[in-house]
Amino acid sequence: MTDERVERAFRQHPHFERTGDGEFETSEKPFENVVTVADADEGSHRYEVVARTPMLDAVVEGETVADVVEDGWFETLELRLEDTHTVADADAAPPEIEREGDEAVATVEFESADPEQAVEDALAIAEFVEGTWVQGIIPGYEYREPAAGLRERAQQNYDENGVEGAEGAGGPGSASGPGDAGGPPR
């Protein structure tokens, strides 16, 4: 049985739901993120966050991604996820990143005596993996869900919250005119 403080911290957090004894999952994320909690030393708990994302070929629509592209994509994702553990306030171990069939799986473990902070750390890890995965989507392919929706949401966020907004990006019709960011050289 998991400590009541841990259960309460996950239960009260809007992004997690309990799926078993000492097991919680992000409920509204596009990828499966499972947190398993176990007792550790002196009032502390050990948290294991397992974030599962699809391999590139699993989300490409209408064609097969060449093995060399898939392998290179995974190697790049693996390198980019090496720092996943640094987003946690707790002293987390570097992640284990593995390829399991059509999924890339990142596993991060940490200990914490503060359940509320541990929940935030677990969410930060899940969101870091998700964001890193989205950044690694290769242009030129047609994508199915969840990649298609994530790309669309990212584009909408950029359009709404871009650095200078839609009119100030230096493109046609912008106040900065040609020759500035994105325009042809003068």
N, C-alpha and C. Protein backbone atom coordinates (compact mmCIF):
# COMPACT_ATOMS: atom_id res chain seq x y z
N MET A 1 0.84 -1.20 0.00
CA MET A 1 0.00 0.00 0.00
C MET A 1 0.88 1.24 0.00
N THR A 2 0.57 2.15 -0.87
CA THR A 2 1.32 3.39 -0.97
C THR A 2 0.90 4.36 0.13
N ASP A 3 1.83 5.13 0.61
CA ASP A 3 1.62 6.15 1.63
C ASP A 3 0.43 7.05 1.24
N GLU A 4 -0.41 7.37 2.20
CA GLU A 4 -1.59 8.21 1.95
C GLU A 4 -1.22 9.58 1.39
N ARG A 5 -0.10 10.14 1.84
CA ARG A 5 0.32 11.46 1.32
C ARG A 5 0.63 11.38 -0.17
N VAL A 6 1.23 10.28 -0.59
CA VAL A 6 1.54 10.09 -2.01
C VAL A 6 0.25 9.92 -2.80
N GLU A 7 -0.64 9.07 -2.30
CA GLU A 7 -1.94 8.86 -2.96
C GLU A 7 -2.69 10.18 -3.12
N ARG A 8 -2.72 10.98 -2.06
CA ARG A 8 -3.42 12.26 -2.08
C ARG A 8 -2.78 13.22 -3.09
N ALA A 9 -1.46 13.28 -3.12
CA ALA A 9 -0.77 14.19 -4.04
C ALA A 9 -1.11 13.86 -5.49
N PHE A 10 -1.13 12.59 -5.84
CA PHE A 10 -1.49 12.21 -7.21
C PHE A 10 -2.98 12.41 -7.46
N ARG A 11 -3.81 12.06 -6.48
CA ARG A 11 -5.27 12.19 -6.63
C ARG A 11 -5.67 13.65 -6.84
N GLN A 12 -5.01 14.57 -6.16
CA GLN A 12 -5.36 15.98 -6.26
C GLN A 12 -4.77 16.66 -7.49
N HIS A 13 -3.86 16.00 -8.16
CA HIS A 13 -3.24 16.62 -9.34
C HIS A 13 -4.12 16.37 -10.56
N PRO A 14 -4.43 17.42 -11.34
CA PRO A 14 -5.35 17.25 -12.47
C PRO A 14 -4.81 16.40 -13.62
N HIS A 15 -3.52 16.14 -13.67
CA HIS A 15 -2.96 15.40 -14.80
C HIS A 15 -2.74 13.91 -14.54
N PHE A 16 -3.06 13.44 -13.34
CA PHE A 16 -2.82 12.04 -13.02
C PHE A 16 -4.08 11.36 -12.53
N GLU A 17 -4.16 10.07 -12.82
CA GLU A 17 -5.21 9.25 -12.22
C GLU A 17 -4.58 7.93 -11.78
N ARG A 18 -5.15 7.39 -10.74
CA ARG A 18 -4.64 6.13 -10.17
C ARG A 18 -5.07 4.98 -11.06
N THR A 19 -4.12 4.09 -11.37
CA THR A 19 -4.43 2.92 -12.19
C THR A 19 -4.18 1.61 -11.46
N GLY A 20 -3.60 1.69 -10.27
CA GLY A 20 -3.32 0.50 -9.47
C GLY A 20 -2.68 0.92 -8.17
N ASP A 21 -2.35 -0.05 -7.33
CA ASP A 21 -1.70 0.26 -6.06
C ASP A 21 -0.31 0.81 -6.32
N GLY A 22 -0.12 2.06 -6.00
CA GLY A 22 1.17 2.70 -6.22
C GLY A 22 1.47 2.99 -7.67
N GLU A 23 0.44 3.02 -8.52
CA GLU A 23 0.65 3.28 -9.95
C GLU A 23 -0.32 4.35 -10.43
N PHE A 24 0.23 5.31 -11.16
CA PHE A 24 -0.54 6.46 -11.63
C PHE A 24 -0.17 6.73 -13.08
N GLU A 25 -1.14 7.27 -13.83
CA GLU A 25 -0.91 7.54 -15.24
C GLU A 25 -1.38 8.95 -15.58
N THR A 26 -0.68 9.57 -16.52
CA THR A 26 -1.15 10.87 -17.00
C THR A 26 -2.42 10.61 -17.80
N SER A 27 -3.47 11.32 -17.47
CA SER A 27 -4.77 11.02 -18.05
C SER A 27 -5.06 11.75 -19.35
N GLU A 28 -4.44 12.89 -19.58
CA GLU A 28 -4.79 13.67 -20.76
C GLU A 28 -3.58 13.99 -21.63
N LYS A 29 -2.63 13.11 -21.66
CA LYS A 29 -1.45 13.27 -22.50
C LYS A 29 -1.57 12.33 -23.69
N PRO A 30 -0.95 12.67 -24.82
CA PRO A 30 -1.07 11.81 -26.00
C PRO A 30 -0.30 10.50 -25.89
N PHE A 31 0.66 10.43 -24.97
CA PHE A 31 1.47 9.23 -24.81
C PHE A 31 1.23 8.62 -23.44
N GLU A 32 1.51 7.34 -23.33
CA GLU A 32 1.36 6.65 -22.05
C GLU A 32 2.53 7.00 -21.14
N ASN A 33 2.23 7.57 -20.00
CA ASN A 33 3.21 7.91 -18.98
C ASN A 33 2.74 7.31 -17.67
N VAL A 34 3.48 6.33 -17.17
CA VAL A 34 3.09 5.62 -15.95
C VAL A 34 4.13 5.89 -14.87
N VAL A 35 3.64 6.26 -13.69
CA VAL A 35 4.51 6.48 -12.54
C VAL A 35 4.21 5.37 -11.53
N THR A 36 5.26 4.67 -11.12
CA THR A 36 5.14 3.63 -10.10
C THR A 36 5.88 4.11 -8.87
N VAL A 37 5.24 3.98 -7.71
CA VAL A 37 5.80 4.47 -6.45
C VAL A 37 6.05 3.29 -5.52
N ALA A 38 7.22 3.31 -4.88
CA ALA A 38 7.57 2.27 -3.90
C ALA A 38 8.24 2.94 -2.71
N ASP A 39 8.16 2.29 -1.55
CA ASP A 39 8.83 2.82 -0.36
C ASP A 39 10.34 2.82 -0.56
N ALA A 40 10.98 3.80 0.04
CA ALA A 40 12.45 3.89 0.04
C ALA A 40 12.89 4.12 1.48
N ASP A 41 14.06 4.68 1.67
CA ASP A 41 14.60 4.89 3.02
C ASP A 41 13.92 6.03 3.76
N GLU A 42 13.67 5.84 5.04
CA GLU A 42 13.25 6.86 6.00
C GLU A 42 12.26 7.90 5.47
N GLY A 43 11.05 7.48 5.20
CA GLY A 43 10.01 8.42 4.81
C GLY A 43 10.07 8.88 3.37
N SER A 44 11.00 8.39 2.65
CA SER A 44 11.16 8.75 1.25
C SER A 44 10.50 7.69 0.37
N HIS A 45 10.22 8.04 -0.86
CA HIS A 45 9.65 7.09 -1.82
C HIS A 45 10.48 7.10 -3.09
N ARG A 46 10.48 5.96 -3.76
CA ARG A 46 11.15 5.84 -5.05
C ARG A 46 10.08 5.93 -6.13
N TYR A 47 10.31 6.80 -7.10
CA TYR A 47 9.37 7.02 -8.19
C TYR A 47 10.03 6.57 -9.49
N GLU A 48 9.29 5.81 -10.26
CA GLU A 48 9.77 5.40 -11.58
C GLU A 48 8.77 5.93 -12.60
N VAL A 49 9.25 6.75 -13.52
CA VAL A 49 8.42 7.31 -14.57
C VAL A 49 8.78 6.60 -15.87
N VAL A 50 7.79 5.97 -16.49
CA VAL A 50 8.01 5.30 -17.77
C VAL A 50 7.16 6.03 -18.81
N ALA A 51 7.84 6.67 -19.76
CA ALA A 51 7.18 7.43 -20.82
C ALA A 51 7.34 6.66 -22.13
N ARG A 52 6.22 6.31 -22.75
CA ARG A 52 6.24 5.55 -24.00
C ARG A 52 5.78 6.45 -25.14
N THR A 53 6.62 6.52 -26.18
CA THR A 53 6.29 7.30 -27.37
C THR A 53 6.38 6.39 -28.58
N PRO A 54 5.63 6.69 -29.63
CA PRO A 54 5.71 5.85 -30.82
C PRO A 54 7.01 6.09 -31.59
N MET A 55 7.49 5.05 -32.23
CA MET A 55 8.59 5.21 -33.17
C MET A 55 8.04 5.96 -34.38
N LEU A 56 8.91 6.53 -35.16
CA LEU A 56 8.51 7.35 -36.30
C LEU A 56 7.60 6.59 -37.26
N ASP A 57 7.98 5.38 -37.63
CA ASP A 57 7.19 4.61 -38.59
C ASP A 57 5.78 4.33 -38.09
N ALA A 58 5.59 4.28 -36.78
CA ALA A 58 4.28 3.99 -36.21
C ALA A 58 3.29 5.14 -36.40
N VAL A 59 3.77 6.33 -36.71
CA VAL A 59 2.87 7.48 -36.88
C VAL A 59 2.90 8.07 -38.28
N VAL A 60 3.73 7.52 -39.17
CA VAL A 60 3.76 8.00 -40.56
C VAL A 60 2.61 7.34 -41.32
N GLU A 61 1.90 8.14 -42.08
CA GLU A 61 0.72 7.70 -42.82
C GLU A 61 1.10 7.35 -44.26
N GLY A 62 0.68 6.16 -44.72
CA GLY A 62 0.75 5.83 -46.13
C GLY A 62 2.10 5.39 -46.69
N GLU A 63 3.12 5.28 -45.89
CA GLU A 63 4.41 4.78 -46.38
C GLU A 63 5.20 4.21 -45.22
N THR A 64 6.20 3.45 -45.57
CA THR A 64 7.08 2.86 -44.56
C THR A 64 8.34 3.69 -44.47
N VAL A 65 8.73 4.04 -43.28
CA VAL A 65 9.96 4.79 -43.06
C VAL A 65 11.13 3.81 -43.22
N ALA A 66 12.12 4.20 -44.02
CA ALA A 66 13.29 3.35 -44.24
C ALA A 66 13.99 3.07 -42.90
N ASP A 67 14.53 1.87 -42.77
CA ASP A 67 15.21 1.48 -41.53
C ASP A 67 16.31 2.46 -41.15
N VAL A 68 17.08 2.91 -42.14
CA VAL A 68 18.19 3.83 -41.84
C VAL A 68 17.66 5.15 -41.27
N VAL A 69 16.51 5.61 -41.75
CA VAL A 69 15.91 6.84 -41.24
C VAL A 69 15.38 6.60 -39.83
N GLU A 70 14.67 5.49 -39.65
CA GLU A 70 14.12 5.15 -38.33
C GLU A 70 15.23 4.99 -37.29
N ASP A 71 16.31 4.30 -37.67
CA ASP A 71 17.43 4.11 -36.76
C ASP A 71 18.09 5.43 -36.40
N GLY A 72 18.31 6.29 -37.39
CA GLY A 72 18.91 7.60 -37.14
C GLY A 72 18.01 8.48 -36.29
N TRP A 73 16.70 8.41 -36.56
CA TRP A 73 15.74 9.18 -35.78
C TRP A 73 15.78 8.74 -34.32
N PHE A 74 15.80 7.42 -34.08
CA PHE A 74 15.84 6.92 -32.71
C PHE A 74 17.14 7.32 -32.02
N GLU A 75 18.26 7.21 -32.71
CA GLU A 75 19.55 7.60 -32.11
C GLU A 75 19.54 9.06 -31.71
N THR A 76 18.96 9.90 -32.56
CA THR A 76 18.86 11.33 -32.24
C THR A 76 17.94 11.55 -31.04
N LEU A 77 16.79 10.89 -31.03
CA LEU A 77 15.87 11.00 -29.89
C LEU A 77 16.56 10.56 -28.61
N GLU A 78 17.28 9.46 -28.69
CA GLU A 78 17.99 8.94 -27.53
C GLU A 78 18.99 9.97 -26.98
N LEU A 79 19.73 10.61 -27.87
CA LEU A 79 20.68 11.64 -27.44
C LEU A 79 19.97 12.83 -26.82
N ARG A 80 18.85 13.22 -27.41
CA ARG A 80 18.13 14.39 -26.91
C ARG A 80 17.45 14.11 -25.58
N LEU A 81 17.13 12.85 -25.31
CA LEU A 81 16.47 12.49 -24.05
C LEU A 81 17.46 12.21 -22.92
N GLU A 82 18.76 12.23 -23.20
CA GLU A 82 19.75 11.94 -22.16
C GLU A 82 19.64 12.87 -20.95
N ASP A 83 19.14 14.08 -21.14
CA ASP A 83 19.04 15.05 -20.05
C ASP A 83 17.66 15.08 -19.41
N THR A 84 16.81 14.12 -19.71
CA THR A 84 15.45 14.10 -19.19
C THR A 84 15.42 14.25 -17.67
N HIS A 85 16.31 13.58 -17.00
CA HIS A 85 16.31 13.58 -15.53
C HIS A 85 16.59 14.96 -14.93
N THR A 86 17.17 15.87 -15.71
CA THR A 86 17.53 17.19 -15.17
C THR A 86 16.33 18.10 -14.97
N VAL A 87 15.16 17.75 -15.50
CA VAL A 87 13.99 18.60 -15.31
C VAL A 87 13.34 18.38 -13.95
N ALA A 88 13.75 17.33 -13.25
CA ALA A 88 13.20 17.04 -11.92
C ALA A 88 13.98 17.80 -10.86
N ASP A 89 13.27 18.32 -9.86
CA ASP A 89 13.94 18.94 -8.72
C ASP A 89 14.67 17.90 -7.88
N ALA A 90 14.12 16.69 -7.85
CA ALA A 90 14.76 15.60 -7.09
C ALA A 90 16.04 15.17 -7.82
N ASP A 91 16.89 14.51 -7.09
CA ASP A 91 18.12 13.98 -7.67
C ASP A 91 17.76 12.70 -8.43
N ALA A 92 17.51 12.84 -9.72
CA ALA A 92 17.08 11.71 -10.53
C ALA A 92 18.25 11.09 -11.28
N ALA A 93 18.13 9.80 -11.51
CA ALA A 93 19.16 9.08 -12.27
C ALA A 93 18.96 9.36 -13.76
N PRO A 94 20.04 9.35 -14.54
CA PRO A 94 19.89 9.50 -16.00
C PRO A 94 18.92 8.43 -16.53
N PRO A 95 18.20 8.75 -17.58
CA PRO A 95 17.18 7.83 -18.06
C PRO A 95 17.75 6.60 -18.77
N GLU A 96 16.97 5.56 -18.75
CA GLU A 96 17.21 4.41 -19.62
C GLU A 96 16.30 4.62 -20.81
N ILE A 97 16.86 4.56 -22.01
CA ILE A 97 16.07 4.77 -23.21
C ILE A 97 16.21 3.53 -24.07
N GLU A 98 15.07 2.92 -24.38
CA GLU A 98 15.08 1.67 -25.11
C GLU A 98 14.06 1.70 -26.24
N ARG A 99 14.32 0.85 -27.20
CA ARG A 99 13.41 0.66 -28.31
C ARG A 99 12.69 -0.66 -28.05
N GLU A 100 11.36 -0.59 -27.93
CA GLU A 100 10.55 -1.79 -27.70
C GLU A 100 9.51 -1.89 -28.80
N GLY A 101 9.80 -2.66 -29.82
CA GLY A 101 8.88 -2.79 -30.94
C GLY A 101 8.69 -1.47 -31.64
N ASP A 102 7.45 -0.99 -31.70
CA ASP A 102 7.17 0.28 -32.36
C ASP A 102 7.10 1.45 -31.37
N GLU A 103 7.77 1.30 -30.21
CA GLU A 103 7.80 2.37 -29.20
C GLU A 103 9.22 2.68 -28.76
N ALA A 104 9.43 3.95 -28.43
CA ALA A 104 10.64 4.39 -27.74
C ALA A 104 10.22 4.59 -26.29
N VAL A 105 10.97 4.00 -25.36
CA VAL A 105 10.58 4.03 -23.95
C VAL A 105 11.68 4.67 -23.13
N ALA A 106 11.32 5.75 -22.42
CA ALA A 106 12.26 6.43 -21.52
C ALA A 106 11.82 6.14 -20.09
N THR A 107 12.76 5.68 -19.26
CA THR A 107 12.48 5.38 -17.86
C THR A 107 13.40 6.20 -16.98
N VAL A 108 12.82 6.96 -16.06
CA VAL A 108 13.58 7.80 -15.14
C VAL A 108 13.17 7.44 -13.72
N GLU A 109 14.15 7.26 -12.84
CA GLU A 109 13.89 6.96 -11.43
C GLU A 109 14.45 8.06 -10.55
N PHE A 110 13.70 8.36 -9.48
CA PHE A 110 14.19 9.32 -8.49
C PHE A 110 13.56 9.02 -7.15
N GLU A 111 14.16 9.56 -6.10
CA GLU A 111 13.61 9.44 -4.75
C GLU A 111 13.21 10.82 -4.26
N SER A 112 12.16 10.85 -3.44
CA SER A 112 11.71 12.11 -2.87
C SER A 112 10.93 11.85 -1.60
N ALA A 113 11.09 12.74 -0.63
CA ALA A 113 10.31 12.69 0.60
C ALA A 113 9.12 13.64 0.52
N ASP A 114 9.03 14.42 -0.56
CA ASP A 114 7.97 15.41 -0.75
C ASP A 114 7.04 14.94 -1.88
N PRO A 115 5.89 14.34 -1.53
CA PRO A 115 5.00 13.80 -2.56
C PRO A 115 4.50 14.84 -3.57
N GLU A 116 4.18 16.05 -3.10
CA GLU A 116 3.68 17.06 -4.03
C GLU A 116 4.74 17.42 -5.06
N GLN A 117 5.98 17.59 -4.62
CA GLN A 117 7.06 17.90 -5.56
C GLN A 117 7.35 16.71 -6.46
N ALA A 118 7.22 15.51 -5.94
CA ALA A 118 7.45 14.31 -6.75
C ALA A 118 6.45 14.21 -7.89
N VAL A 119 5.19 14.57 -7.62
CA VAL A 119 4.18 14.57 -8.67
C VAL A 119 4.55 15.58 -9.75
N GLU A 120 4.99 16.76 -9.35
CA GLU A 120 5.41 17.78 -10.32
C GLU A 120 6.63 17.32 -11.10
N ASP A 121 7.56 16.65 -10.43
CA ASP A 121 8.74 16.12 -11.12
C ASP A 121 8.34 15.07 -12.15
N ALA A 122 7.43 14.19 -11.77
CA ALA A 122 6.97 13.14 -12.69
C ALA A 122 6.31 13.76 -13.92
N LEU A 123 5.48 14.78 -13.71
CA LEU A 123 4.83 15.45 -14.83
C LEU A 123 5.86 16.17 -15.70
N ALA A 124 6.83 16.82 -15.09
CA ALA A 124 7.88 17.51 -15.86
C ALA A 124 8.64 16.53 -16.74
N ILE A 125 8.92 15.36 -16.22
CA ILE A 125 9.62 14.33 -17.00
C ILE A 125 8.76 13.89 -18.18
N ALA A 126 7.47 13.61 -17.93
CA ALA A 126 6.57 13.19 -19.01
C ALA A 126 6.46 14.27 -20.08
N GLU A 127 6.34 15.53 -19.66
CA GLU A 127 6.21 16.63 -20.62
C GLU A 127 7.51 16.87 -21.38
N PHE A 128 8.65 16.68 -20.74
CA PHE A 128 9.93 16.83 -21.43
C PHE A 128 10.06 15.78 -22.53
N VAL A 129 9.69 14.54 -22.22
CA VAL A 129 9.76 13.48 -23.22
C VAL A 129 8.82 13.80 -24.38
N GLU A 130 7.60 14.22 -24.07
CA GLU A 130 6.63 14.57 -25.11
C GLU A 130 7.15 15.70 -25.99
N GLY A 131 7.61 16.77 -25.39
CA GLY A 131 8.10 17.91 -26.15
C GLY A 131 9.31 17.57 -27.00
N THR A 132 10.21 16.76 -26.46
CA THR A 132 11.39 16.35 -27.20
C THR A 132 10.99 15.47 -28.38
N TRP A 133 10.04 14.60 -28.18
CA TRP A 133 9.54 13.75 -29.26
C TRP A 133 8.95 14.61 -30.37
N VAL A 134 8.11 15.57 -30.01
CA VAL A 134 7.48 16.44 -31.01
C VAL A 134 8.54 17.21 -31.81
N GLN A 135 9.56 17.71 -31.13
CA GLN A 135 10.62 18.44 -31.82
C GLN A 135 11.37 17.56 -32.81
N GLY A 136 11.34 16.26 -32.62
CA GLY A 136 12.05 15.35 -33.50
C GLY A 136 11.26 14.85 -34.70
N ILE A 137 10.02 15.31 -34.85
CA ILE A 137 9.22 14.89 -36.00
C ILE A 137 9.91 15.40 -37.27
N ILE A 138 10.06 14.51 -38.23
CA ILE A 138 10.76 14.84 -39.48
C ILE A 138 9.77 15.40 -40.49
N PRO A 139 10.04 16.59 -41.04
CA PRO A 139 9.17 17.16 -42.08
C PRO A 139 9.18 16.28 -43.34
N GLY A 140 8.13 16.39 -44.12
CA GLY A 140 8.07 15.69 -45.39
C GLY A 140 7.22 14.43 -45.39
N TYR A 141 6.81 14.00 -44.23
CA TYR A 141 5.93 12.83 -44.13
C TYR A 141 4.53 13.31 -43.79
N GLU A 142 3.53 12.50 -44.16
CA GLU A 142 2.17 12.71 -43.69
C GLU A 142 2.04 11.89 -42.40
N TYR A 143 1.46 12.50 -41.37
CA TYR A 143 1.38 11.83 -40.08
C TYR A 143 -0.05 11.55 -39.68
N ARG A 144 -0.22 10.47 -38.93
CA ARG A 144 -1.51 10.15 -38.29
C ARG A 144 -1.37 10.49 -36.80
N GLU A 145 -2.46 10.34 -36.08
CA GLU A 145 -2.45 10.65 -34.65
C GLU A 145 -1.51 9.71 -33.89
N PRO A 146 -0.90 10.17 -32.86
CA PRO A 146 -1.01 11.48 -32.23
C PRO A 146 -0.13 12.56 -32.84
N ALA A 147 0.75 12.19 -33.77
CA ALA A 147 1.68 13.17 -34.33
C ALA A 147 0.97 14.30 -35.06
N ALA A 148 -0.06 13.98 -35.84
CA ALA A 148 -0.76 15.00 -36.61
C ALA A 148 -1.35 16.08 -35.68
N GLY A 149 -2.01 15.66 -34.62
CA GLY A 149 -2.60 16.61 -33.68
C GLY A 149 -1.57 17.41 -32.93
N LEU A 150 -0.46 16.78 -32.55
CA LEU A 150 0.60 17.49 -31.84
C LEU A 150 1.25 18.54 -32.74
N ARG A 151 1.46 18.19 -34.01
CA ARG A 151 2.05 19.16 -34.95
C ARG A 151 1.10 20.35 -35.15
N GLU A 152 -0.18 20.05 -35.30
CA GLU A 152 -1.17 21.10 -35.48
C GLU A 152 -1.22 22.02 -34.27
N ARG A 153 -1.22 21.43 -33.08
CA ARG A 153 -1.24 22.23 -31.85
C ARG A 153 0.01 23.09 -31.73
N ALA A 154 1.16 22.53 -32.07
CA ALA A 154 2.41 23.30 -32.02
C ALA A 154 2.36 24.47 -33.00
N GLN A 155 1.83 24.24 -34.20
CA GLN A 155 1.72 25.31 -35.19
C GLN A 155 0.76 26.39 -34.70
N GLN A 156 -0.36 26.00 -34.12
CA GLN A 156 -1.31 26.98 -33.59
C GLN A 156 -0.69 27.79 -32.46
N ASN A 157 0.03 27.13 -31.57
CA ASN A 157 0.70 27.84 -30.48
C ASN A 157 1.71 28.83 -31.01
N TYR A 158 2.45 28.43 -32.05
CA TYR A 158 3.43 29.34 -32.64
C TYR A 158 2.72 30.52 -33.29
N ASP A 159 1.65 30.24 -34.04
CA ASP A 159 0.92 31.32 -34.70
C ASP A 159 0.34 32.31 -33.69
N GLU A 160 -0.15 31.80 -32.56
CA GLU A 160 -0.76 32.65 -31.55
C GLU A 160 0.26 33.32 -30.64
N ASN A 161 1.37 32.66 -30.39
CA ASN A 161 2.32 33.15 -29.40
C ASN A 161 3.72 33.28 -29.94
N GLY A 162 3.86 33.40 -31.26
CA GLY A 162 5.19 33.53 -31.86
C GLY A 162 5.94 34.69 -31.24
N VAL A 163 7.24 34.71 -31.42
CA VAL A 163 8.10 35.73 -30.80
C VAL A 163 7.58 37.12 -31.07
N GLU A 164 7.26 37.40 -32.34
CA GLU A 164 6.78 38.74 -32.68
C GLU A 164 5.33 38.74 -33.14
N GLY A 165 4.68 37.59 -33.08
CA GLY A 165 3.32 37.50 -33.55
C GLY A 165 3.31 37.33 -35.07
N ALA A 166 2.15 37.09 -35.63
CA ALA A 166 2.03 36.80 -37.06
C ALA A 166 2.45 37.97 -37.92
N GLU A 167 2.17 39.18 -37.54
CA GLU A 167 2.49 40.34 -38.37
C GLU A 167 3.91 40.83 -38.19
N GLY A 168 4.58 40.49 -37.11
CA GLY A 168 5.91 41.03 -36.86
C GLY A 168 7.04 40.05 -37.08
N ALA A 169 6.80 38.99 -37.83
CA ALA A 169 7.80 37.95 -37.99
C ALA A 169 8.82 38.24 -39.08
N GLY A 170 8.73 39.38 -39.74
CA GLY A 170 9.72 39.72 -40.75
C GLY A 170 9.36 39.22 -42.13
N GLY A 171 8.22 38.61 -42.29
CA GLY A 171 7.80 38.10 -43.58
C GLY A 171 7.03 39.16 -44.34
N PRO A 172 6.44 38.79 -45.46
CA PRO A 172 5.66 39.74 -46.24
C PRO A 172 4.57 40.38 -45.39
N GLY A 173 4.41 41.65 -45.55
CA GLY A 173 3.38 42.38 -44.82
C GLY A 173 3.76 42.76 -43.41
N SER A 174 4.99 42.48 -43.01
CA SER A 174 5.39 42.82 -41.65
C SER A 174 5.97 44.22 -41.61
N ALA A 175 5.99 44.77 -40.41
CA ALA A 175 6.52 46.12 -40.24
C ALA A 175 8.02 46.17 -40.47
N SER A 176 8.70 45.04 -40.31
CA SER A 176 10.15 45.04 -40.45
C SER A 176 10.58 45.01 -41.91
N GLY A 177 9.71 44.55 -42.79
CA GLY A 177 9.98 44.60 -44.22
C GLY A 177 10.99 43.59 -44.69
N PRO A 178 11.25 43.60 -46.03
CA PRO A 178 12.21 42.66 -46.61
C PRO A 178 13.60 42.89 -46.05
N GLY A 179 14.37 41.84 -46.01
CA GLY A 179 15.74 41.96 -45.53
C GLY A 179 15.87 41.68 -44.05
N ASP A 180 14.77 41.74 -43.31
CA ASP A 180 14.82 41.40 -41.90
C ASP A 180 14.47 39.93 -41.75
N ALA A 181 14.41 39.47 -40.52
CA ALA A 181 14.21 38.04 -40.22
C ALA A 181 13.25 37.37 -41.18
N GLY A 182 13.76 36.54 -42.04
CA GLY A 182 12.93 35.76 -42.94
C GLY A 182 12.72 36.38 -44.29
N GLY A 183 13.01 37.62 -44.49
CA GLY A 183 12.84 38.26 -45.79
C GLY A 183 14.07 38.07 -46.65
N PRO A 184 13.97 38.38 -47.96
CA PRO A 184 15.13 38.24 -48.83
C PRO A 184 16.19 39.28 -48.48
N PRO A 185 17.48 38.97 -48.74
CA PRO A 185 18.53 39.94 -48.43
C PRO A 185 18.42 41.16 -49.32
N ARG A 186 18.86 42.30 -48.81
CA ARG A 186 18.82 43.54 -49.59
C ARG A 186 20.00 43.63 -50.48
